[in-house]
Amino acid sequence: ALHADAPTAEETDWVQIVEWYDELVRL
């Protein structure tokens, strides 16, 4: 959803994506 929400690749919220990956690693 964060990728889909970004108007351009440069505007992707990578910090929040890392946080979600941290959750995935935990799970």
PDB file of all heavy atoms in Angstrom:
ATOM      1  N   ALA A   1       0.828  -1.208   0.000  1.00  0.00           N
ATOM      2  CA  ALA A   1       0.000   0.000   0.000  1.00  0.00           C
ATOM      3  C   ALA A   1       0.866   1.263   0.000  1.00  0.00           C
ATOM      4  O   ALA A   1       0.527   2.260  -0.648  1.00  0.00           O
ATOM      5  CB  ALA A   1      -0.926  -0.012   1.207  1.00  0.00           C
ATOM      6  N   LEU A   2       1.984   1.240   0.717  1.00  0.00           N
ATOM      7  CA  LEU A   2       2.881   2.393   0.727  1.00  0.00           C
ATOM      8  C   LEU A   2       3.494   2.626  -0.655  1.00  0.00           C
ATOM      9  O   LEU A   2       3.661   3.769  -1.088  1.00  0.00           O
ATOM     10  CB  LEU A   2       3.976   2.190   1.775  1.00  0.00           C
ATOM     11  CG  LEU A   2       3.513   2.329   3.229  1.00  0.00           C
ATOM     12  CD1 LEU A   2       4.575   1.806   4.189  1.00  0.00           C
ATOM     13  CD2 LEU A   2       3.193   3.791   3.552  1.00  0.00           C
ATOM     14  N   HIS A   3       3.835   1.544  -1.344  1.00  0.00           N
ATOM     15  CA  HIS A   3       4.326   1.697  -2.723  1.00  0.00           C
ATOM     16  C   HIS A   3       3.225   2.271  -3.621  1.00  0.00           C
ATOM     17  O   HIS A   3       3.473   3.157  -4.435  1.00  0.00           O
ATOM     18  CB  HIS A   3       4.780   0.345  -3.270  1.00  0.00           C
ATOM     19  CG  HIS A   3       6.116  -0.094  -2.755  1.00  0.00           C
ATOM     20  ND1 HIS A   3       7.273   0.613  -2.994  1.00  0.00           N
ATOM     21  CD2 HIS A   3       6.485  -1.188  -2.036  1.00  0.00           C
ATOM     22  CE1 HIS A   3       8.292  -0.009  -2.437  1.00  0.00           C
ATOM     23  NE2 HIS A   3       7.844  -1.099  -1.840  1.00  0.00           N
ATOM     24  N   ALA A   4       2.011   1.767  -3.464  1.00  0.00           N
ATOM     25  CA  ALA A   4       0.902   2.212  -4.304  1.00  0.00           C
ATOM     26  C   ALA A   4       0.530   3.658  -4.028  1.00  0.00           C
ATOM     27  O   ALA A   4       0.040   4.369  -4.919  1.00  0.00           O
ATOM     28  CB  ALA A   4      -0.310   1.303  -4.080  1.00  0.00           C
ATOM     29  N   ASP A   5       0.757   4.113  -2.812  1.00  0.00           N
ATOM     30  CA  ASP A   5       0.370   5.467  -2.400  1.00  0.00           C
ATOM     31  C   ASP A   5       1.350   6.530  -2.894  1.00  0.00           C
ATOM     32  O   ASP A   5       1.004   7.714  -2.953  1.00  0.00           O
ATOM     33  CB  ASP A   5       0.264   5.523  -0.876  1.00  0.00           C
ATOM     34  CG  ASP A   5      -0.288   6.847  -0.375  1.00  0.00           C
ATOM     35  OD1 ASP A   5      -1.380   7.235  -0.817  1.00  0.00           O
ATOM     36  OD2 ASP A   5       0.387   7.490   0.448  1.00  0.00           O
ATOM     37  N   ALA A   6       2.568   6.123  -3.249  1.00  0.00           N
ATOM     38  CA  ALA A   6       3.592   7.098  -3.648  1.00  0.00           C
ATOM     39  C   ALA A   6       3.352   7.569  -5.088  1.00  0.00           C
ATOM     40  O   ALA A   6       3.315   6.752  -6.003  1.00  0.00           O
ATOM     41  CB  ALA A   6       4.974   6.474  -3.529  1.00  0.00           C
ATOM     42  N   PRO A   7       3.218   8.886  -5.315  1.00  0.00           N
ATOM     43  CA  PRO A   7       3.004   9.383  -6.684  1.00  0.00           C
ATOM     44  C   PRO A   7       4.171   9.049  -7.614  1.00  0.00           C
ATOM     45  O   PRO A   7       3.984   8.816  -8.799  1.00  0.00           O
ATOM     46  CB  PRO A   7       2.866  10.899  -6.493  1.00  0.00           C
ATOM     47  CG  PRO A   7       2.501  11.079  -5.051  1.00  0.00           C
ATOM     48  CD  PRO A   7       3.188   9.968  -4.326  1.00  0.00           C
ATOM     49  N   THR A   8       5.389   9.036  -7.064  1.00  0.00           N
ATOM     50  CA  THR A   8       6.581   8.681  -7.827  1.00  0.00           C
ATOM     51  C   THR A   8       7.444   7.769  -6.964  1.00  0.00           C
ATOM     52  O   THR A   8       7.284   7.708  -5.741  1.00  0.00           O
ATOM     53  CB  THR A   8       7.408   9.918  -8.219  1.00  0.00           C
ATOM     54  OG1 THR A   8       7.931  10.529  -7.023  1.00  0.00           O
ATOM     55  CG2 THR A   8       6.567  10.929  -8.985  1.00  0.00           C
ATOM     56  N   ALA A   9       8.400   7.093  -7.600  1.00  0.00           N
ATOM     57  CA  ALA A   9       9.299   6.217  -6.844  1.00  0.00           C
ATOM     58  C   ALA A   9      10.098   7.011  -5.823  1.00  0.00           C
ATOM     59  O   ALA A   9      10.353   6.535  -4.705  1.00  0.00           O
ATOM     60  CB  ALA A   9      10.228   5.490  -7.802  1.00  0.00           C
ATOM     61  N   GLU A  10      10.474   8.230  -6.190  1.00  0.00           N
ATOM     62  CA  GLU A  10      11.288   9.072  -5.304  1.00  0.00           C
ATOM     63  C   GLU A  10      10.525   9.497  -4.056  1.00  0.00           C
ATOM     64  O   GLU A  10      11.130   9.808  -3.024  1.00  0.00           O
ATOM     65  CB  GLU A  10      11.779  10.311  -6.047  1.00  0.00           C
ATOM     66  CG  GLU A  10      12.770  10.028  -7.181  1.00  0.00           C
ATOM     67  CD  GLU A  10      12.125   9.398  -8.389  1.00  0.00           C
ATOM     68  OE1 GLU A  10      10.890   9.574  -8.577  1.00  0.00           O
ATOM     69  OE2 GLU A  10      12.844   8.710  -9.151  1.00  0.00           O
ATOM     70  N   GLU A  11       9.203   9.527  -4.129  1.00  0.00           N
ATOM     71  CA  GLU A  11       8.385   9.958  -2.993  1.00  0.00           C
ATOM     72  C   GLU A  11       7.939   8.806  -2.101  1.00  0.00           C
ATOM     73  O   GLU A  11       7.141   8.999  -1.180  1.00  0.00           O
ATOM     74  CB  GLU A  11       7.157  10.715  -3.511  1.00  0.00           C
ATOM     75  CG  GLU A  11       7.497  12.009  -4.233  1.00  0.00           C
ATOM     76  CD  GLU A  11       6.273  12.654  -4.854  1.00  0.00           C
ATOM     77  OE1 GLU A  11       5.583  13.414  -4.158  1.00  0.00           O
ATOM     78  OE2 GLU A  11       6.003  12.394  -6.054  1.00  0.00           O
ATOM     79  N   THR A  12       8.464   7.612  -2.343  1.00  0.00           N
ATOM     80  CA  THR A  12       8.100   6.455  -1.525  1.00  0.00           C
ATOM     81  C   THR A  12       8.565   6.655  -0.080  1.00  0.00           C
ATOM     82  O   THR A  12       9.676   7.108   0.165  1.00  0.00           O
ATOM     83  CB  THR A  12       8.749   5.178  -2.093  1.00  0.00           C
ATOM     84  OG1 THR A  12       8.346   5.009  -3.456  1.00  0.00           O
ATOM     85  CG2 THR A  12       8.332   3.953  -1.293  1.00  0.00           C
ATOM     86  N   ASP A  13       7.710   6.306   0.858  1.00  0.00           N
ATOM     87  CA  ASP A  13       8.023   6.441   2.280  1.00  0.00           C
ATOM     88  C   ASP A  13       8.829   5.220   2.734  1.00  0.00           C
ATOM     89  O   ASP A  13       8.310   4.297   3.366  1.00  0.00           O
ATOM     90  CB  ASP A  13       6.728   6.570   3.091  1.00  0.00           C
ATOM     91  CG  ASP A  13       6.985   6.920   4.557  1.00  0.00           C
ATOM     92  OD1 ASP A  13       8.150   6.813   5.001  1.00  0.00           O
ATOM     93  OD2 ASP A  13       6.025   7.275   5.253  1.00  0.00           O
ATOM     94  N   TRP A  14      10.129   5.231   2.420  1.00  0.00           N
ATOM     95  CA  TRP A  14      10.966   4.080   2.718  1.00  0.00           C
ATOM     96  C   TRP A  14      11.174   3.866   4.214  1.00  0.00           C
ATOM     97  O   TRP A  14      11.343   2.733   4.668  1.00  0.00           O
ATOM     98  CB  TRP A  14      12.313   4.220   2.017  1.00  0.00           C
ATOM     99  CG  TRP A  14      12.221   3.993   0.539  1.00  0.00           C
ATOM    100  CD1 TRP A  14      12.290   4.926  -0.447  1.00  0.00           C
ATOM    101  CD2 TRP A  14      12.028   2.732  -0.114  1.00  0.00           C
ATOM    102  NE1 TRP A  14      12.150   4.337  -1.685  1.00  0.00           N
ATOM    103  CE2 TRP A  14      11.991   2.986  -1.504  1.00  0.00           C
ATOM    104  CE3 TRP A  14      11.889   1.425   0.339  1.00  0.00           C
ATOM    105  CZ2 TRP A  14      11.818   1.968  -2.432  1.00  0.00           C
ATOM    106  CZ3 TRP A  14      11.710   0.413  -0.586  1.00  0.00           C
ATOM    107  CH2 TRP A  14      11.678   0.687  -1.959  1.00  0.00           C
ATOM    108  N   VAL A  15      11.162   4.930   4.975  1.00  0.00           N
ATOM    109  CA  VAL A  15      11.338   4.782   6.430  1.00  0.00           C
ATOM    110  C   VAL A  15      10.205   3.939   7.016  1.00  0.00           C
ATOM    111  O   VAL A  15      10.439   3.013   7.811  1.00  0.00           O
ATOM    112  CB  VAL A  15      11.395   6.166   7.112  1.00  0.00           C
ATOM    113  CG1 VAL A  15      11.378   6.003   8.630  1.00  0.00           C
ATOM    114  CG2 VAL A  15      12.648   6.922   6.669  1.00  0.00           C
ATOM    115  N   GLN A  16       8.990   4.237   6.604  1.00  0.00           N
ATOM    116  CA  GLN A  16       7.859   3.461   7.108  1.00  0.00           C
ATOM    117  C   GLN A  16       7.887   2.030   6.558  1.00  0.00           C
ATOM    118  O   GLN A  16       7.507   1.077   7.256  1.00  0.00           O
ATOM    119  CB  GLN A  16       6.539   4.147   6.739  1.00  0.00           C
ATOM    120  CG  GLN A  16       5.353   3.581   7.501  1.00  0.00           C
ATOM    121  CD  GLN A  16       4.077   4.374   7.299  1.00  0.00           C
ATOM    122  OE1 GLN A  16       3.013   3.909   7.677  1.00  0.00           O
ATOM    123  NE2 GLN A  16       4.160   5.551   6.706  1.00  0.00           N
ATOM    124  N   ILE A  17       8.360   1.865   5.332  1.00  0.00           N
ATOM    125  CA  ILE A  17       8.469   0.525   4.763  1.00  0.00           C
ATOM    126  C   ILE A  17       9.455  -0.318   5.571  1.00  0.00           C
ATOM    127  O   ILE A  17       9.209  -1.494   5.846  1.00  0.00           O
ATOM    128  CB  ILE A  17       8.873   0.605   3.275  1.00  0.00           C
ATOM    129  CG1 ILE A  17       7.674   1.085   2.442  1.00  0.00           C
ATOM    130  CG2 ILE A  17       9.362  -0.752   2.763  1.00  0.00           C
ATOM    131  CD1 ILE A  17       7.978   1.298   0.974  1.00  0.00           C
ATOM    132  N   VAL A  18      10.575   0.284   5.973  1.00  0.00           N
ATOM    133  CA  VAL A  18      11.533  -0.450   6.812  1.00  0.00           C
ATOM    134  C   VAL A  18      10.863  -0.879   8.116  1.00  0.00           C
ATOM    135  O   VAL A  18      11.069  -2.008   8.598  1.00  0.00           O
ATOM    136  CB  VAL A  18      12.782   0.407   7.097  1.00  0.00           C
ATOM    137  CG1 VAL A  18      13.664  -0.257   8.156  1.00  0.00           C
ATOM    138  CG2 VAL A  18      13.588   0.631   5.823  1.00  0.00           C
ATOM    139  N   GLU A  19      10.055  -0.009   8.682  1.00  0.00           N
ATOM    140  CA  GLU A  19       9.371  -0.352   9.929  1.00  0.00           C
ATOM    141  C   GLU A  19       8.443  -1.548   9.739  1.00  0.00           C
ATOM    142  O   GLU A  19       8.362  -2.432  10.608  1.00  0.00           O
ATOM    143  CB  GLU A  19       8.592   0.858  10.440  1.00  0.00           C
ATOM    144  CG  GLU A  19       9.489   2.000  10.902  1.00  0.00           C
ATOM    145  CD  GLU A  19       8.698   3.250  11.261  1.00  0.00           C
ATOM    146  OE1 GLU A  19       7.459   3.244  11.047  1.00  0.00           O
ATOM    147  OE2 GLU A  19       9.301   4.218  11.748  1.00  0.00           O
ATOM    148  N   TRP A  20       7.762  -1.603   8.591  1.00  0.00           N
ATOM    149  CA  TRP A  20       6.889  -2.753   8.323  1.00  0.00           C
ATOM    150  C   TRP A  20       7.700  -4.015   8.082  1.00  0.00           C
ATOM    151  O   TRP A  20       7.301  -5.106   8.485  1.00  0.00           O
ATOM    152  CB  TRP A  20       5.967  -2.460   7.145  1.00  0.00           C
ATOM    153  CG  TRP A  20       4.752  -1.666   7.536  1.00  0.00           C
ATOM    154  CD1 TRP A  20       4.449  -0.376   7.185  1.00  0.00           C
ATOM    155  CD2 TRP A  20       3.667  -2.109   8.346  1.00  0.00           C
ATOM    156  NE1 TRP A  20       3.249   0.005   7.747  1.00  0.00           N
ATOM    157  CE2 TRP A  20       2.755  -1.047   8.461  1.00  0.00           C
ATOM    158  CE3 TRP A  20       3.387  -3.308   9.005  1.00  0.00           C
ATOM    159  CZ2 TRP A  20       1.572  -1.143   9.189  1.00  0.00           C
ATOM    160  CZ3 TRP A  20       2.204  -3.417   9.728  1.00  0.00           C
ATOM    161  CH2 TRP A  20       1.316  -2.333   9.824  1.00  0.00           C
ATOM    162  N   TYR A  21       8.864  -3.859   7.433  1.00  0.00           N
ATOM    163  CA  TYR A  21       9.728  -5.036   7.268  1.00  0.00           C
ATOM    164  C   TYR A  21      10.227  -5.539   8.619  1.00  0.00           C
ATOM    165  O   TYR A  21      10.386  -6.746   8.823  1.00  0.00           O
ATOM    166  CB  TYR A  21      10.912  -4.720   6.346  1.00  0.00           C
ATOM    167  CG  TYR A  21      10.599  -4.974   4.892  1.00  0.00           C
ATOM    168  CD1 TYR A  21      10.686  -3.955   3.948  1.00  0.00           C
ATOM    169  CD2 TYR A  21      10.221  -6.240   4.452  1.00  0.00           C
ATOM    170  CE1 TYR A  21      10.393  -4.182   2.619  1.00  0.00           C
ATOM    171  CE2 TYR A  21       9.920  -6.479   3.117  1.00  0.00           C
ATOM    172  CZ  TYR A  21      10.007  -5.448   2.207  1.00  0.00           C
ATOM    173  OH  TYR A  21       9.714  -5.686   0.887  1.00  0.00           O
ATOM    174  N   ASP A  22      10.476  -4.629   9.542  1.00  0.00           N
ATOM    175  CA  ASP A  22      10.859  -5.051  10.893  1.00  0.00           C
ATOM    176  C   ASP A  22       9.749  -5.902  11.524  1.00  0.00           C
ATOM    177  O   ASP A  22      10.026  -6.903  12.208  1.00  0.00           O
ATOM    178  CB  ASP A  22      11.156  -3.835  11.769  1.00  0.00           C
ATOM    179  CG  ASP A  22      12.455  -3.137  11.381  1.00  0.00           C
ATOM    180  OD1 ASP A  22      13.301  -3.787  10.722  1.00  0.00           O
ATOM    181  OD2 ASP A  22      12.616  -1.946  11.720  1.00  0.00           O
ATOM    182  N   GLU A  23       8.498  -5.513  11.305  1.00  0.00           N
ATOM    183  CA  GLU A  23       7.372  -6.304  11.806  1.00  0.00           C
ATOM    184  C   GLU A  23       7.348  -7.678  11.133  1.00  0.00           C
ATOM    185  O   GLU A  23       7.107  -8.703  11.783  1.00  0.00           O
ATOM    186  CB  GLU A  23       6.048  -5.572  11.546  1.00  0.00           C
ATOM    187  CG  GLU A  23       5.838  -4.326  12.368  1.00  0.00           C
ATOM    188  CD  GLU A  23       5.561  -4.644  13.834  1.00  0.00           C
ATOM    189  OE1 GLU A  23       5.328  -5.823  14.176  1.00  0.00           O
ATOM    190  OE2 GLU A  23       5.590  -3.711  14.653  1.00  0.00           O
ATOM    191  N   LEU A  24       7.612  -7.692   9.830  1.00  0.00           N
ATOM    192  CA  LEU A  24       7.614  -8.963   9.101  1.00  0.00           C
ATOM    193  C   LEU A  24       8.716  -9.889   9.591  1.00  0.00           C
ATOM    194  O   LEU A  24       8.515 -11.102   9.714  1.00  0.00           O
ATOM    195  CB  LEU A  24       7.787  -8.705   7.594  1.00  0.00           C
ATOM    196  CG  LEU A  24       6.519  -8.671   6.749  1.00  0.00           C
ATOM    197  CD1 LEU A  24       6.877  -8.372   5.297  1.00  0.00           C
ATOM    198  CD2 LEU A  24       5.766 -10.002   6.836  1.00  0.00           C
ATOM    199  N   VAL A  25       9.883  -9.334   9.847  1.00  0.00           N
ATOM    200  CA  VAL A  25      10.973 -10.145  10.383  1.00  0.00           C
ATOM    201  C   VAL A  25      10.571 -10.743  11.726  1.00  0.00           C
ATOM    202  O   VAL A  25      10.828 -11.928  12.010  1.00  0.00           O
ATOM    203  CB  VAL A  25      12.261  -9.306  10.523  1.00  0.00           C
ATOM    204  CG1 VAL A  25      13.305 -10.057  11.344  1.00  0.00           C
ATOM    205  CG2 VAL A  25      12.818  -8.955   9.155  1.00  0.00           C
ATOM    206  N   ARG A  26       9.924  -9.936  12.549  1.00  0.00           N
ATOM    207  CA  ARG A  26       9.470 -10.428  13.859  1.00  0.00           C
ATOM    208  C   ARG A  26       8.450 -11.559  13.691  1.00  0.00           C
ATOM    209  O   ARG A  26       8.476 -12.547  14.438  1.00  0.00           O
ATOM    210  CB  ARG A  26       8.845  -9.280  14.658  1.00  0.00           C
ATOM    211  CG  ARG A  26       8.351  -9.668  16.040  1.00  0.00           C
ATOM    212  CD  ARG A  26       7.730  -8.483  16.753  1.00  0.00           C
ATOM    213  NE  ARG A  26       6.560  -7.957  16.056  1.00  0.00           N
ATOM    214  CZ  ARG A  26       5.345  -8.507  16.132  1.00  0.00           C
ATOM    215  NH1 ARG A  26       5.142  -9.598  16.878  1.00  0.00           N
ATOM    216  NH2 ARG A  26       4.327  -7.982  15.475  1.00  0.00           N
ATOM    217  N   LEU A  27       7.585 -11.442  12.703  1.00  0.00           N
ATOM    218  CA  LEU A  27       6.521 -12.427  12.500  1.00  0.00           C
ATOM    219  C   LEU A  27       7.014 -13.704  11.831  1.00  0.00           C
ATOM    220  O   LEU A  27       6.504 -14.790  12.107  1.00  0.00           O
ATOM    221  CB  LEU A  27       5.395 -11.815  11.657  1.00  0.00           C
ATOM    222  CG  LEU A  27       4.542 -10.735  12.323  1.00  0.00           C
ATOM    223  CD1 LEU A  27       3.729  -9.988  11.278  1.00  0.00           C
ATOM    224  CD2 LEU A  27       3.623 -11.362  13.363  1.00  0.00           C
TER     225      LEU A  27
END
